[in-house]
N, C-alpha and C. Protein backbone atom coordinates (compact mmCIF):
# COMPACT_ATOMS: atom_id res chain seq x y z
N UNK A 1 -12.23 -16.09 -22.72
CA UNK A 1 -13.28 -15.33 -22.07
C UNK A 1 -13.77 -14.22 -23.01
N UNK A 2 -12.83 -13.48 -23.61
CA UNK A 2 -13.20 -12.38 -24.50
C UNK A 2 -13.88 -12.91 -25.76
N UNK A 3 -13.39 -14.01 -26.28
CA UNK A 3 -13.97 -14.61 -27.48
C UNK A 3 -15.44 -14.98 -27.23
N UNK A 4 -15.72 -15.54 -26.04
CA UNK A 4 -17.08 -15.93 -25.69
C UNK A 4 -17.98 -14.71 -25.57
N UNK A 5 -17.49 -13.68 -24.91
CA UNK A 5 -18.31 -12.50 -24.66
C UNK A 5 -18.60 -11.73 -25.95
N UNK A 6 -17.58 -11.56 -26.79
CA UNK A 6 -17.76 -10.76 -28.00
C UNK A 6 -18.29 -11.57 -29.17
N UNK A 7 -18.34 -12.88 -29.02
CA UNK A 7 -18.78 -13.78 -30.10
C UNK A 7 -17.98 -13.51 -31.37
N UNK A 8 -16.67 -13.33 -31.20
CA UNK A 8 -15.71 -13.08 -32.29
C UNK A 8 -16.00 -11.81 -33.10
N UNK A 9 -16.73 -10.88 -32.54
CA UNK A 9 -17.00 -9.63 -33.23
C UNK A 9 -16.38 -8.49 -32.44
N UNK A 10 -15.14 -8.19 -32.79
CA UNK A 10 -14.43 -7.12 -32.11
C UNK A 10 -14.76 -5.80 -32.77
N UNK A 11 -15.19 -4.83 -32.01
CA UNK A 11 -15.52 -3.52 -32.56
C UNK A 11 -14.35 -2.59 -32.45
N UNK A 12 -14.60 -1.36 -32.74
CA UNK A 12 -13.55 -0.36 -32.61
C UNK A 12 -13.88 0.53 -31.43
N UNK A 13 -12.92 1.30 -31.01
CA UNK A 13 -13.14 2.21 -29.89
C UNK A 13 -12.45 1.73 -28.63
N UNK A 14 -12.69 2.47 -27.56
CA UNK A 14 -12.02 2.21 -26.29
C UNK A 14 -12.65 1.06 -25.52
N UNK A 15 -13.82 0.59 -25.91
CA UNK A 15 -14.52 -0.42 -25.12
C UNK A 15 -13.73 -1.72 -25.02
N UNK A 16 -12.91 -2.04 -26.03
CA UNK A 16 -12.17 -3.30 -25.99
C UNK A 16 -11.13 -3.28 -24.87
N UNK A 17 -10.45 -2.15 -24.67
CA UNK A 17 -9.51 -2.04 -23.56
C UNK A 17 -10.22 -2.21 -22.22
N UNK A 18 -11.40 -1.64 -22.12
CA UNK A 18 -12.18 -1.76 -20.89
C UNK A 18 -12.60 -3.22 -20.68
N UNK A 19 -12.97 -3.90 -21.75
CA UNK A 19 -13.34 -5.32 -21.66
C UNK A 19 -12.16 -6.17 -21.20
N UNK A 20 -10.98 -5.89 -21.74
CA UNK A 20 -9.79 -6.63 -21.31
C UNK A 20 -9.53 -6.38 -19.83
N UNK A 21 -9.63 -5.13 -19.40
CA UNK A 21 -9.44 -4.81 -17.99
C UNK A 21 -10.45 -5.51 -17.09
N UNK A 22 -11.70 -5.56 -17.54
CA UNK A 22 -12.74 -6.23 -16.76
C UNK A 22 -12.45 -7.72 -16.65
N UNK A 23 -12.00 -8.33 -17.73
CA UNK A 23 -11.67 -9.76 -17.69
C UNK A 23 -10.49 -10.02 -16.76
N UNK A 24 -9.49 -9.15 -16.80
CA UNK A 24 -8.34 -9.28 -15.88
C UNK A 24 -8.82 -9.20 -14.45
N UNK A 25 -9.68 -8.24 -14.16
CA UNK A 25 -10.19 -8.07 -12.81
C UNK A 25 -10.98 -9.30 -12.35
N UNK A 26 -11.85 -9.81 -13.22
CA UNK A 26 -12.68 -10.98 -12.87
C UNK A 26 -11.80 -12.20 -12.62
N UNK A 27 -10.85 -12.45 -13.50
CA UNK A 27 -9.97 -13.62 -13.35
C UNK A 27 -9.15 -13.51 -12.06
N UNK A 28 -8.64 -12.32 -11.79
CA UNK A 28 -7.85 -12.12 -10.57
C UNK A 28 -8.70 -12.34 -9.32
N UNK A 29 -9.88 -11.77 -9.30
CA UNK A 29 -10.76 -11.95 -8.14
C UNK A 29 -11.23 -13.39 -7.99
N UNK A 30 -11.49 -14.08 -9.11
CA UNK A 30 -11.90 -15.49 -9.04
C UNK A 30 -10.76 -16.33 -8.46
N UNK A 31 -9.52 -15.89 -8.63
CA UNK A 31 -8.36 -16.58 -8.06
C UNK A 31 -8.08 -16.16 -6.63
N UNK A 32 -9.02 -15.46 -6.00
CA UNK A 32 -8.90 -14.98 -4.61
C UNK A 32 -7.68 -14.10 -4.39
N UNK A 33 -7.35 -13.31 -5.40
CA UNK A 33 -6.27 -12.33 -5.30
C UNK A 33 -6.89 -10.95 -5.16
N UNK A 34 -6.15 -10.05 -4.58
CA UNK A 34 -6.65 -8.69 -4.38
C UNK A 34 -6.18 -7.80 -5.52
N UNK A 35 -7.10 -7.09 -6.12
CA UNK A 35 -6.75 -6.16 -7.19
C UNK A 35 -7.74 -5.00 -7.15
N UNK A 36 -7.26 -3.80 -6.80
CA UNK A 36 -8.16 -2.66 -6.79
C UNK A 36 -8.60 -2.30 -8.21
N UNK A 37 -9.85 -1.92 -8.36
CA UNK A 37 -10.34 -1.47 -9.66
C UNK A 37 -9.51 -0.29 -10.17
N UNK A 38 -9.08 0.57 -9.27
CA UNK A 38 -8.31 1.74 -9.69
C UNK A 38 -6.99 1.35 -10.34
N UNK A 39 -6.38 0.27 -9.90
CA UNK A 39 -5.14 -0.20 -10.52
C UNK A 39 -5.38 -0.64 -11.95
N UNK A 40 -6.48 -1.32 -12.18
CA UNK A 40 -6.82 -1.75 -13.53
C UNK A 40 -7.12 -0.52 -14.39
N UNK A 41 -7.85 0.43 -13.83
CA UNK A 41 -8.20 1.65 -14.58
C UNK A 41 -6.96 2.42 -15.03
N UNK A 42 -5.97 2.51 -14.16
CA UNK A 42 -4.74 3.23 -14.51
C UNK A 42 -4.06 2.57 -15.70
N UNK A 43 -4.08 1.26 -15.75
CA UNK A 43 -3.40 0.55 -16.83
C UNK A 43 -4.22 0.47 -18.12
N UNK A 44 -5.53 0.53 -18.01
CA UNK A 44 -6.39 0.42 -19.18
C UNK A 44 -6.80 1.78 -19.75
N UNK A 45 -6.58 2.83 -19.00
CA UNK A 45 -6.93 4.16 -19.47
C UNK A 45 -8.42 4.42 -19.47
N UNK A 46 -9.09 4.00 -18.42
CA UNK A 46 -10.53 4.24 -18.31
C UNK A 46 -10.85 4.68 -16.89
N UNK A 47 -12.10 5.06 -16.65
CA UNK A 47 -12.48 5.45 -15.29
C UNK A 47 -13.14 4.28 -14.56
N UNK A 48 -13.29 4.43 -13.26
CA UNK A 48 -13.80 3.36 -12.42
C UNK A 48 -15.25 3.01 -12.77
N UNK A 49 -16.05 4.01 -13.06
CA UNK A 49 -17.45 3.77 -13.41
C UNK A 49 -17.56 2.90 -14.66
N UNK A 50 -16.78 3.26 -15.67
CA UNK A 50 -16.80 2.53 -16.94
C UNK A 50 -16.35 1.08 -16.74
N UNK A 51 -15.27 0.90 -15.98
CA UNK A 51 -14.77 -0.46 -15.73
C UNK A 51 -15.75 -1.26 -14.88
N UNK A 52 -16.33 -0.62 -13.87
CA UNK A 52 -17.30 -1.31 -13.02
C UNK A 52 -18.51 -1.81 -13.80
N UNK A 53 -18.99 -0.99 -14.73
CA UNK A 53 -20.11 -1.42 -15.58
C UNK A 53 -19.72 -2.62 -16.43
N UNK A 54 -18.49 -2.59 -16.97
CA UNK A 54 -18.05 -3.69 -17.82
C UNK A 54 -17.85 -4.96 -17.00
N UNK A 55 -17.34 -4.85 -15.78
CA UNK A 55 -17.20 -6.02 -14.91
C UNK A 55 -18.56 -6.64 -14.66
N UNK A 56 -19.55 -5.81 -14.40
CA UNK A 56 -20.91 -6.32 -14.19
C UNK A 56 -21.43 -7.04 -15.43
N UNK A 57 -21.17 -6.49 -16.60
CA UNK A 57 -21.61 -7.13 -17.84
C UNK A 57 -20.92 -8.48 -18.05
N UNK A 58 -19.61 -8.53 -17.78
CA UNK A 58 -18.87 -9.78 -17.95
C UNK A 58 -19.43 -10.84 -17.00
N UNK A 59 -19.63 -10.47 -15.74
CA UNK A 59 -20.16 -11.43 -14.77
C UNK A 59 -21.55 -11.92 -15.18
N UNK A 60 -22.38 -11.00 -15.64
CA UNK A 60 -23.74 -11.38 -16.05
C UNK A 60 -23.71 -12.26 -17.30
N UNK A 61 -22.90 -11.89 -18.28
CA UNK A 61 -22.86 -12.63 -19.54
C UNK A 61 -22.34 -14.05 -19.34
N UNK A 62 -21.35 -14.20 -18.47
CA UNK A 62 -20.76 -15.53 -18.23
C UNK A 62 -21.39 -16.25 -17.04
N UNK A 63 -22.39 -15.61 -16.43
CA UNK A 63 -23.09 -16.18 -15.27
C UNK A 63 -22.09 -16.57 -14.17
N UNK A 64 -21.23 -15.61 -13.80
CA UNK A 64 -20.22 -15.83 -12.77
C UNK A 64 -20.56 -15.02 -11.53
N UNK A 65 -20.02 -15.45 -10.42
CA UNK A 65 -20.11 -14.70 -9.17
C UNK A 65 -18.71 -14.58 -8.60
N UNK A 66 -18.40 -13.40 -8.07
CA UNK A 66 -17.09 -13.18 -7.47
C UNK A 66 -17.12 -13.64 -6.01
N UNK A 67 -15.97 -14.12 -5.51
CA UNK A 67 -15.91 -14.49 -4.09
C UNK A 67 -16.07 -13.26 -3.20
N UNK A 68 -16.34 -13.49 -1.93
CA UNK A 68 -16.48 -12.38 -0.98
C UNK A 68 -15.25 -11.49 -1.02
N UNK A 69 -15.47 -10.22 -0.78
CA UNK A 69 -14.43 -9.21 -0.85
C UNK A 69 -13.69 -9.13 0.48
N UNK A 70 -12.37 -9.17 0.44
CA UNK A 70 -11.54 -9.07 1.64
C UNK A 70 -11.11 -7.61 1.81
N UNK A 71 -11.91 -6.83 2.51
CA UNK A 71 -11.64 -5.40 2.66
C UNK A 71 -10.37 -5.13 3.44
N UNK A 72 -10.06 -5.97 4.43
CA UNK A 72 -8.84 -5.77 5.23
C UNK A 72 -7.61 -6.03 4.37
N UNK A 73 -7.62 -7.11 3.61
CA UNK A 73 -6.49 -7.41 2.75
C UNK A 73 -6.27 -6.33 1.70
N UNK A 74 -7.38 -5.82 1.14
CA UNK A 74 -7.27 -4.77 0.15
C UNK A 74 -6.73 -3.48 0.78
N UNK A 75 -7.19 -3.17 1.98
CA UNK A 75 -6.68 -1.99 2.68
C UNK A 75 -5.17 -2.09 2.87
N UNK A 76 -4.70 -3.24 3.34
CA UNK A 76 -3.26 -3.42 3.55
C UNK A 76 -2.49 -3.23 2.24
N UNK A 77 -2.98 -3.82 1.17
CA UNK A 77 -2.29 -3.72 -0.12
C UNK A 77 -2.22 -2.28 -0.61
N UNK A 78 -3.37 -1.61 -0.61
CA UNK A 78 -3.42 -0.24 -1.11
C UNK A 78 -2.57 0.68 -0.24
N UNK A 79 -2.63 0.50 1.06
CA UNK A 79 -1.86 1.34 1.97
C UNK A 79 -0.37 1.14 1.76
N UNK A 80 0.07 -0.10 1.63
CA UNK A 80 1.49 -0.37 1.43
C UNK A 80 1.98 0.17 0.10
N UNK A 81 1.15 0.10 -0.94
CA UNK A 81 1.52 0.70 -2.23
C UNK A 81 1.63 2.21 -2.10
N UNK A 82 0.71 2.80 -1.37
CA UNK A 82 0.74 4.25 -1.18
C UNK A 82 1.98 4.68 -0.41
N UNK A 83 2.29 3.97 0.67
CA UNK A 83 3.45 4.32 1.50
C UNK A 83 4.75 4.14 0.72
N UNK A 84 4.80 3.15 -0.16
CA UNK A 84 6.03 2.92 -0.92
C UNK A 84 6.37 4.11 -1.82
N UNK A 85 5.37 4.93 -2.14
CA UNK A 85 5.60 6.11 -2.97
C UNK A 85 6.01 7.33 -2.15
N UNK A 86 5.88 7.24 -0.86
CA UNK A 86 6.17 8.37 0.02
C UNK A 86 7.56 8.21 0.63
N UNK A 87 8.27 9.31 0.74
CA UNK A 87 9.59 9.28 1.37
C UNK A 87 9.47 9.70 2.82
N UNK A 88 10.31 9.15 3.65
CA UNK A 88 10.38 9.57 5.03
C UNK A 88 9.39 8.92 5.97
N UNK A 89 8.63 7.95 5.51
CA UNK A 89 7.69 7.24 6.38
C UNK A 89 8.40 5.98 6.85
N UNK A 90 8.69 5.93 8.16
CA UNK A 90 9.41 4.79 8.71
C UNK A 90 8.58 3.53 8.77
N UNK A 91 9.27 2.39 8.86
CA UNK A 91 8.59 1.10 8.90
C UNK A 91 7.71 0.98 10.14
N UNK A 92 8.20 1.46 11.28
CA UNK A 92 7.41 1.40 12.52
C UNK A 92 6.12 2.19 12.41
N UNK A 93 6.20 3.36 11.80
CA UNK A 93 5.01 4.20 11.61
C UNK A 93 4.04 3.51 10.66
N UNK A 94 4.58 2.92 9.61
CA UNK A 94 3.74 2.22 8.64
C UNK A 94 2.99 1.07 9.29
N UNK A 95 3.69 0.26 10.07
CA UNK A 95 3.05 -0.88 10.74
C UNK A 95 1.95 -0.41 11.67
N UNK A 96 2.23 0.67 12.42
CA UNK A 96 1.22 1.19 13.35
C UNK A 96 0.00 1.74 12.59
N UNK A 97 0.24 2.41 11.47
CA UNK A 97 -0.87 2.96 10.68
C UNK A 97 -1.71 1.85 10.06
N UNK A 98 -1.07 0.77 9.62
CA UNK A 98 -1.82 -0.36 9.06
C UNK A 98 -2.70 -0.98 10.15
N UNK A 99 -2.14 -1.19 11.33
CA UNK A 99 -2.92 -1.77 12.43
C UNK A 99 -4.11 -0.88 12.81
N UNK A 100 -3.88 0.43 12.87
CA UNK A 100 -4.96 1.33 13.20
C UNK A 100 -6.03 1.33 12.09
N UNK A 101 -5.59 1.30 10.85
CA UNK A 101 -6.53 1.26 9.73
C UNK A 101 -7.38 0.01 9.73
N UNK A 102 -6.74 -1.13 10.02
CA UNK A 102 -7.48 -2.40 10.08
C UNK A 102 -8.50 -2.34 11.20
N UNK A 103 -8.12 -1.78 12.33
CA UNK A 103 -9.04 -1.65 13.45
C UNK A 103 -10.26 -0.81 13.04
N UNK A 104 -10.03 0.27 12.31
CA UNK A 104 -11.13 1.13 11.89
C UNK A 104 -12.02 0.48 10.84
N UNK A 105 -11.40 -0.33 9.98
CA UNK A 105 -12.19 -1.01 8.94
C UNK A 105 -13.03 -2.06 9.59
């Protein structure tokens, strides 16, 4: 994917990390998996705006379309990751909060 997009001309600077992150995001989403852009940004060392622009470029350059976005599934994933970092939040409270969040979404 990267070879096609860059036409074997790798430049210098931070853009290559952003390109790798964008390709990871596109491949993951094309596989119908959930991956928040913020998770990719944390690992690639870029901001969401920069990564979002690169994702758009990758999709346009390769003439790809991403599948529909599963907002409920993403909410569950992000919420469970967030709760796993917090101490003292019981499983019953977590389940109730996820159900309430899904209802609101």
